[in-house]
Structure formats: structure tokens, C-alpha cells
């Protein structure tokens, strides 16, 4: 592979990573590296987290309580739309496996 092909491959991979929101540069998004969809998903998973938190406290269900707290705060640490959707989905389905 010559230098031109390697450079174009590197540029296309960098563009793909920045489009998915996985890279370390979060300056292109609206707030904290989020696009509009990322903010909608963050609010959606936070609402699910609030419902899990309330249900976990009421029923004394530790798994729901912990997943609810994690859903409320994970968007502070996970940036980008795709990672937010993946982590949020995983945290949402955990209580269904540990009843």
C-alpha cells in the first residue's frame, strides 16, 4: 500500500469515527459532543432511569435502584449518540434479567 492510499484510508477512518461520536474530539457537537439525537436519547434514558429509581426505592429492588441511578448519570461520562444508545439500552434491560 503506498502513502497516498494509506493517507486516504486514515482520513476516511477518522471521518467515520468522528461521525459516530467515538473519538476524543467532542467540539463538533451541540452540547458535550452530542448531536440533537444524542440529547433526545440522553433525556429518554434519564427518564427511564428516574422511573427505575422510583420503582426501585418503592419496591426495595436494589438492581432497579442501581440501574436507575446509572441511567441518570451515565451521560456525563459517555459521549456521542451511538455509545449513549448502546449503554442506555444495556442498562435498561439489566433489571429484566435479575428479577
Protein backbone atom coordinates (compact mmCIF):
# COMPACT_ATOMS: atom_id res chain seq x y z
CA UNK A 1 0.00 0.00 0.00
CA UNK A 2 1.50 3.30 -0.98
CA UNK A 3 1.46 6.52 1.07
CA UNK A 4 -1.47 8.06 -0.82
CA UNK A 5 -3.78 5.09 -0.21
CA UNK A 6 -2.72 4.86 3.43
CA UNK A 7 -3.39 8.55 3.93
CA UNK A 8 -6.84 8.39 2.32
CA UNK A 9 -7.70 5.31 4.37
CA UNK A 10 -6.64 7.07 7.55
CA UNK A 11 -8.71 10.14 6.64
CA UNK A 12 -11.82 8.07 5.90
CA UNK A 13 -11.45 6.12 9.17
CA UNK A 14 -11.01 9.37 11.10
CA UNK A 15 -14.15 10.79 9.46
CA UNK A 16 -16.12 7.63 10.27
CA UNK A 17 -15.02 7.65 13.92
CA UNK A 18 -15.85 11.32 14.35
CA UNK A 19 -19.27 10.78 12.69
CA UNK A 20 -20.10 8.00 15.15
CA UNK A 21 -19.02 10.15 18.08
CA UNK A 22 -16.49 7.63 19.35
CA UNK A 23 -13.39 9.77 19.03
CA UNK A 24 -11.93 12.05 21.68
CA UNK A 25 -12.78 15.33 19.95
CA UNK A 26 -16.20 16.43 21.18
CA UNK A 27 -16.09 20.02 19.98
CA UNK A 28 -18.27 19.47 16.91
CA UNK A 29 -21.50 18.62 18.76
CA UNK A 30 -24.17 20.78 20.22
CA UNK A 31 -23.53 20.19 23.93
CA UNK A 32 -20.77 17.94 25.30
CA UNK A 33 -20.31 16.29 21.90
CA UNK A 34 -23.98 15.41 21.47
CA UNK A 35 -26.00 15.95 18.34
CA UNK A 36 -29.70 16.72 18.57
CA UNK A 37 -30.49 12.99 18.54
CA UNK A 38 -27.92 12.40 21.28
CA UNK A 39 -29.64 14.90 23.53
CA UNK A 40 -33.03 13.30 22.85
CA UNK A 41 -31.66 9.83 23.70
CA UNK A 42 -29.95 11.17 26.83
CA UNK A 43 -33.23 12.68 28.05
CA UNK A 44 -35.12 9.49 27.13
CA UNK A 45 -32.75 7.24 29.08
CA UNK A 46 -32.71 9.68 32.00
CA UNK A 47 -36.50 9.45 32.21
CA UNK A 48 -36.29 5.66 32.21
CA UNK A 49 -33.63 5.94 34.92
CA UNK A 50 -35.89 8.16 37.01
CA UNK A 51 -38.72 5.61 36.70
CA UNK A 52 -36.36 2.76 37.65
CA UNK A 53 -35.06 4.78 40.60
CA UNK A 54 -38.56 5.46 41.94
CA UNK A 55 -39.68 1.88 41.38
CA UNK A 56 -36.52 0.50 43.00
CA UNK A 57 -36.97 2.66 46.09
CA UNK A 58 -40.67 1.82 46.41
CA UNK A 59 -40.21 -1.94 45.94
CA UNK A 60 -36.81 -2.17 47.71
CA UNK A 61 -35.35 -3.59 44.49
CA UNK A 62 -31.61 -2.88 44.58
CA UNK A 63 -30.98 -3.79 40.93
CA UNK A 64 -33.60 -1.33 39.65
CA UNK A 65 -32.33 1.33 42.04
CA UNK A 66 -28.72 1.00 40.89
CA UNK A 67 -29.67 0.83 37.18
CA UNK A 68 -31.86 3.89 37.66
CA UNK A 69 -29.02 5.88 39.20
CA UNK A 70 -26.64 4.72 36.45
CA UNK A 71 -29.15 5.72 33.75
CA UNK A 72 -29.47 9.15 35.34
CA UNK A 73 -25.73 9.88 35.38
CA UNK A 74 -24.06 7.82 32.64
CA UNK A 75 -24.45 10.56 30.02
CA UNK A 76 -21.98 12.67 32.00
CA UNK A 77 -19.30 10.10 31.22
CA UNK A 78 -20.35 8.60 27.85
CA UNK A 79 -20.23 10.99 24.90
CA UNK A 80 -21.67 10.57 21.43
CA UNK A 81 -25.01 9.32 20.18
CA UNK A 82 -24.13 5.69 19.36
CA UNK A 83 -22.37 4.96 22.69
CA UNK A 84 -25.25 6.58 24.62
CA UNK A 85 -27.78 4.36 22.83
CA UNK A 86 -25.72 1.21 23.44
CA UNK A 87 -25.00 1.86 27.13
CA UNK A 88 -28.53 3.12 27.78
CA UNK A 89 -30.08 0.06 26.18
CA UNK A 90 -27.87 -2.28 28.20
CA UNK A 91 -28.68 -0.51 31.46
CA UNK A 92 -32.38 -0.56 30.59
CA UNK A 93 -32.56 -4.32 30.01
CA UNK A 94 -30.45 -5.40 33.02
CA UNK A 95 -33.38 -5.35 35.52
CA UNK A 96 -35.35 -7.75 33.31
CA UNK A 97 -32.67 -10.42 33.75
CA UNK A 98 -32.37 -10.05 37.54
CA UNK A 99 -35.92 -10.23 38.87
